[in-house]
């Protein structure tokens, strides 16, 4: 499980996940046990076992059923105590949107966008369609 610190969010159910921007943040120490990578093309190398979700920058996931499954897997692994990393290029739009959706799974009943902005990054979930997607996400 991640220690609380920069980029780490703790959900109401106790699950902890780390958000990260791949372009600007180094691999954390200790490294993640598992990662969910939100990119327009497959990542060339990951520091841990991972799942790739096709998600172009400033857009929404290409396959929403696959996205919901990936969010559920990330949440389950975090609840089991694994160090789960959720990352995209910049660490705000796609990562923030995914974390907001996972927060719904973790018990956030209020606006998940406002919650993730308060607990992760005040500029998370960048576009209007990402905000709509996160607010409409249900278990």
C-alpha atoms as a PDB file:
ATOM      1  CA  UNK A   1       0.000   0.000   0.000  1.00  0.00           C
ATOM      2  CA  UNK A   2       1.227   3.515  -0.773  1.00  0.00           C
ATOM      3  CA  UNK A   3       2.234   5.807   2.046  1.00  0.00           C
ATOM      4  CA  UNK A   4       0.268   9.049   1.988  1.00  0.00           C
ATOM      5  CA  UNK A   5       2.138  11.701   0.054  1.00  0.00           C
ATOM      6  CA  UNK A   6       2.195  13.614  -3.240  1.00  0.00           C
ATOM      7  CA  UNK A   7      -0.082  12.066  -5.859  1.00  0.00           C
ATOM      8  CA  UNK A   8      -1.573   9.481  -3.470  1.00  0.00           C
ATOM      9  CA  UNK A   9      -5.306   9.550  -2.820  1.00  0.00           C
ATOM     10  CA  UNK A  10      -7.056   7.573  -0.114  1.00  0.00           C
ATOM     11  CA  UNK A  11     -10.647   6.722  -0.911  1.00  0.00           C
ATOM     12  CA  UNK A  12     -13.385   6.513   1.741  1.00  0.00           C
ATOM     13  CA  UNK A  13     -13.122   2.697   1.710  1.00  0.00           C
ATOM     14  CA  UNK A  14      -9.389   2.864   2.516  1.00  0.00           C
ATOM     15  CA  UNK A  15      -8.038   2.046  -0.956  1.00  0.00           C
ATOM     16  CA  UNK A  16      -4.985   4.137  -1.887  1.00  0.00           C
ATOM     17  CA  UNK A  17      -3.942   4.871  -5.461  1.00  0.00           C
ATOM     18  CA  UNK A  18      -1.194   7.025  -6.878  1.00  0.00           C
ATOM     19  CA  UNK A  19      -1.745   9.313  -9.860  1.00  0.00           C
ATOM     20  CA  UNK A  20       1.227  10.332 -11.959  1.00  0.00           C
ATOM     21  CA  UNK A  21       2.128  12.145 -15.151  1.00  0.00           C
ATOM     22  CA  UNK A  22       4.487   9.992 -17.207  1.00  0.00           C
ATOM     23  CA  UNK A  23       6.146  12.989 -18.888  1.00  0.00           C
ATOM     24  CA  UNK A  24       7.053  14.873 -15.746  1.00  0.00           C
ATOM     25  CA  UNK A  25       7.218  12.571 -12.746  1.00  0.00           C
ATOM     26  CA  UNK A  26       9.804   9.908 -12.036  1.00  0.00           C
ATOM     27  CA  UNK A  27       8.808   6.355 -11.152  1.00  0.00           C
ATOM     28  CA  UNK A  28       8.027   6.465  -7.430  1.00  0.00           C
ATOM     29  CA  UNK A  29      10.198   4.686  -4.893  1.00  0.00           C
ATOM     30  CA  UNK A  30       9.050   2.106  -4.019  1.00  0.00           C
ATOM     31  CA  UNK A  31       7.736   1.361  -7.500  1.00  0.00           C
ATOM     32  CA  UNK A  32       4.125   0.367  -8.137  1.00  0.00           C
ATOM     33  CA  UNK A  33       3.015  -3.247  -7.968  1.00  0.00           C
ATOM     34  CA  UNK A  34       0.574  -2.675 -10.833  1.00  0.00           C
ATOM     35  CA  UNK A  35      -0.225   0.186 -13.174  1.00  0.00           C
ATOM     36  CA  UNK A  36      -3.134   1.428 -15.236  1.00  0.00           C
ATOM     37  CA  UNK A  37      -1.788   3.451 -18.159  1.00  0.00           C
ATOM     38  CA  UNK A  38      -4.159   5.748 -20.041  1.00  0.00           C
ATOM     39  CA  UNK A  39      -2.567   6.552 -23.378  1.00  0.00           C
ATOM     40  CA  UNK A  40      -3.472   6.933 -27.034  1.00  0.00           C
ATOM     41  CA  UNK A  41      -0.933   4.247 -27.962  1.00  0.00           C
ATOM     42  CA  UNK A  42       0.504   1.291 -26.112  1.00  0.00           C
ATOM     43  CA  UNK A  43       3.268   2.249 -23.660  1.00  0.00           C
ATOM     44  CA  UNK A  44       6.676   0.966 -24.776  1.00  0.00           C
ATOM     45  CA  UNK A  45       7.735  -0.235 -21.325  1.00  0.00           C
ATOM     46  CA  UNK A  46       6.170  -0.241 -17.903  1.00  0.00           C
ATOM     47  CA  UNK A  47       8.028  -0.563 -14.608  1.00  0.00           C
ATOM     48  CA  UNK A  48       5.534  -3.154 -13.337  1.00  0.00           C
ATOM     49  CA  UNK A  49       2.750  -5.466 -14.505  1.00  0.00           C
ATOM     50  CA  UNK A  50       0.207  -3.188 -16.108  1.00  0.00           C
ATOM     51  CA  UNK A  51      -2.939  -2.708 -18.076  1.00  0.00           C
ATOM     52  CA  UNK A  52      -3.123  -0.284 -20.955  1.00  0.00           C
ATOM     53  CA  UNK A  53      -6.359   1.546 -21.700  1.00  0.00           C
ATOM     54  CA  UNK A  54      -6.536   3.262 -25.092  1.00  0.00           C
ATOM     55  CA  UNK A  55      -7.400   6.833 -24.220  1.00  0.00           C
ATOM     56  CA  UNK A  56      -6.213   9.711 -26.455  1.00  0.00           C
ATOM     57  CA  UNK A  57      -5.161  12.953 -24.767  1.00  0.00           C
ATOM     58  CA  UNK A  58      -8.046  15.341 -23.945  1.00  0.00           C
ATOM     59  CA  UNK A  59     -10.595  12.692 -24.971  1.00  0.00           C
ATOM     60  CA  UNK A  60     -12.518   9.828 -23.389  1.00  0.00           C
ATOM     61  CA  UNK A  61     -11.646   6.135 -23.335  1.00  0.00           C
ATOM     62  CA  UNK A  62     -12.222   4.404 -26.662  1.00  0.00           C
ATOM     63  CA  UNK A  63     -14.019   1.450 -25.045  1.00  0.00           C
ATOM     64  CA  UNK A  64     -16.099   2.477 -22.053  1.00  0.00           C
ATOM     65  CA  UNK A  65     -16.856  -1.089 -20.942  1.00  0.00           C
ATOM     66  CA  UNK A  66     -13.130  -1.850 -20.936  1.00  0.00           C
ATOM     67  CA  UNK A  67     -12.532   1.377 -19.003  1.00  0.00           C
ATOM     68  CA  UNK A  68     -15.094   0.436 -16.336  1.00  0.00           C
ATOM     69  CA  UNK A  69     -13.470  -2.990 -16.030  1.00  0.00           C
ATOM     70  CA  UNK A  70      -9.993  -1.416 -15.746  1.00  0.00           C
ATOM     71  CA  UNK A  71     -11.205   1.003 -13.046  1.00  0.00           C
ATOM     72  CA  UNK A  72     -12.740  -1.904 -11.104  1.00  0.00           C
ATOM     73  CA  UNK A  73      -9.487  -3.883 -11.395  1.00  0.00           C
ATOM     74  CA  UNK A  74      -7.422  -0.921 -10.169  1.00  0.00           C
ATOM     75  CA  UNK A  75      -9.787  -0.421  -7.246  1.00  0.00           C
ATOM     76  CA  UNK A  76      -9.783  -4.119  -6.318  1.00  0.00           C
ATOM     77  CA  UNK A  77      -5.985  -4.306  -6.419  1.00  0.00           C
ATOM     78  CA  UNK A  78      -5.682  -1.156  -4.276  1.00  0.00           C
ATOM     79  CA  UNK A  79      -8.125  -2.590  -1.727  1.00  0.00           C
ATOM     80  CA  UNK A  80      -5.967  -5.729  -1.580  1.00  0.00           C
ATOM     81  CA  UNK A  81      -3.053  -3.521  -0.521  1.00  0.00           C
ATOM     82  CA  UNK A  82      -1.164  -3.400  -3.812  1.00  0.00           C
ATOM     83  CA  UNK A  83       0.607  -0.171  -4.793  1.00  0.00           C
ATOM     84  CA  UNK A  84      -1.543   0.831  -7.780  1.00  0.00           C
ATOM     85  CA  UNK A  85      -0.463   3.607 -10.115  1.00  0.00           C
ATOM     86  CA  UNK A  86      -2.825   5.381 -12.521  1.00  0.00           C
ATOM     87  CA  UNK A  87      -0.971   7.442 -15.105  1.00  0.00           C
ATOM     88  CA  UNK A  88      -1.263   9.310 -18.386  1.00  0.00           C
ATOM     89  CA  UNK A  89       1.049  11.753 -20.131  1.00  0.00           C
ATOM     90  CA  UNK A  90       0.462  14.797 -17.936  1.00  0.00           C
ATOM     91  CA  UNK A  91      -1.240  13.215 -14.936  1.00  0.00           C
ATOM     92  CA  UNK A  92      -4.257  15.532 -14.825  1.00  0.00           C
ATOM     93  CA  UNK A  93      -6.954  15.017 -17.465  1.00  0.00           C
ATOM     94  CA  UNK A  94      -7.136  11.283 -18.112  1.00  0.00           C
ATOM     95  CA  UNK A  95      -5.576  10.346 -14.777  1.00  0.00           C
ATOM     96  CA  UNK A  96      -7.882  12.691 -12.880  1.00  0.00           C
ATOM     97  CA  UNK A  97     -10.914  11.382 -14.748  1.00  0.00           C
ATOM     98  CA  UNK A  98      -9.974   7.758 -14.042  1.00  0.00           C
ATOM     99  CA  UNK A  99      -9.287   8.516 -10.382  1.00  0.00           C
ATOM    100  CA  UNK A 100     -12.661  10.288 -10.113  1.00  0.00           C
ATOM    101  CA  UNK A 101     -14.388   7.197 -11.526  1.00  0.00           C
ATOM    102  CA  UNK A 102     -12.438   4.911  -9.182  1.00  0.00           C
ATOM    103  CA  UNK A 103     -13.382   7.234  -6.313  1.00  0.00           C
ATOM    104  CA  UNK A 104     -17.047   6.479  -7.072  1.00  0.00           C
ATOM    105  CA  UNK A 105     -16.219   2.771  -6.687  1.00  0.00           C
ATOM    106  CA  UNK A 106     -14.434   3.607  -3.426  1.00  0.00           C
ATOM    107  CA  UNK A 107     -17.429   5.268  -1.820  1.00  0.00           C
ATOM    108  CA  UNK A 108     -17.367   8.910  -2.905  1.00  0.00           C
ATOM    109  CA  UNK A 109     -21.028   9.880  -3.048  1.00  0.00           C
ATOM    110  CA  UNK A 110     -20.595  13.593  -3.706  1.00  0.00           C
ATOM    111  CA  UNK A 111     -19.385  15.095  -6.988  1.00  0.00           C
ATOM    112  CA  UNK A 112     -16.378  12.891  -7.895  1.00  0.00           C
ATOM    113  CA  UNK A 113     -14.756  15.690  -9.921  1.00  0.00           C
ATOM    114  CA  UNK A 114     -14.822  18.107  -6.981  1.00  0.00           C
ATOM    115  CA  UNK A 115     -13.618  15.331  -4.683  1.00  0.00           C
ATOM    116  CA  UNK A 116     -10.631  14.378  -6.847  1.00  0.00           C
ATOM    117  CA  UNK A 117      -9.718  18.042  -7.334  1.00  0.00           C
ATOM    118  CA  UNK A 118      -9.711  18.490  -3.557  1.00  0.00           C
ATOM    119  CA  UNK A 119      -7.729  15.314  -2.837  1.00  0.00           C
ATOM    120  CA  UNK A 120      -5.451  14.870  -5.880  1.00  0.00           C
ATOM    121  CA  UNK A 121      -4.936  17.919  -8.127  1.00  0.00           C
ATOM    122  CA  UNK A 122      -7.007  21.096  -8.294  1.00  0.00           C
ATOM    123  CA  UNK A 123      -6.781  21.028 -12.120  1.00  0.00           C
ATOM    124  CA  UNK A 124      -7.655  17.343 -12.542  1.00  0.00           C
ATOM    125  CA  UNK A 125     -10.329  16.306 -15.059  1.00  0.00           C
ATOM    126  CA  UNK A 126      -9.543  18.893 -17.718  1.00  0.00           C
ATOM    127  CA  UNK A 127     -12.285  18.901 -20.343  1.00  0.00           C
ATOM    128  CA  UNK A 128     -16.064  19.353 -20.159  1.00  0.00           C
ATOM    129  CA  UNK A 129     -16.629  15.854 -21.606  1.00  0.00           C
ATOM    130  CA  UNK A 130     -14.248  14.315 -19.047  1.00  0.00           C
ATOM    131  CA  UNK A 131     -16.209  16.052 -16.272  1.00  0.00           C
ATOM    132  CA  UNK A 132     -19.526  14.759 -17.659  1.00  0.00           C
ATOM    133  CA  UNK A 133     -18.104  11.247 -18.011  1.00  0.00           C
ATOM    134  CA  UNK A 134     -16.798  11.142 -14.415  1.00  0.00           C
ATOM    135  CA  UNK A 135     -19.998  12.604 -12.954  1.00  0.00           C
ATOM    136  CA  UNK A 136     -22.146  10.082 -14.870  1.00  0.00           C
ATOM    137  CA  UNK A 137     -19.954   7.085 -13.905  1.00  0.00           C
ATOM    138  CA  UNK A 138     -21.781   4.528 -11.784  1.00  0.00           C
ATOM    139  CA  UNK A 139     -20.781   1.309 -10.119  1.00  0.00           C
END
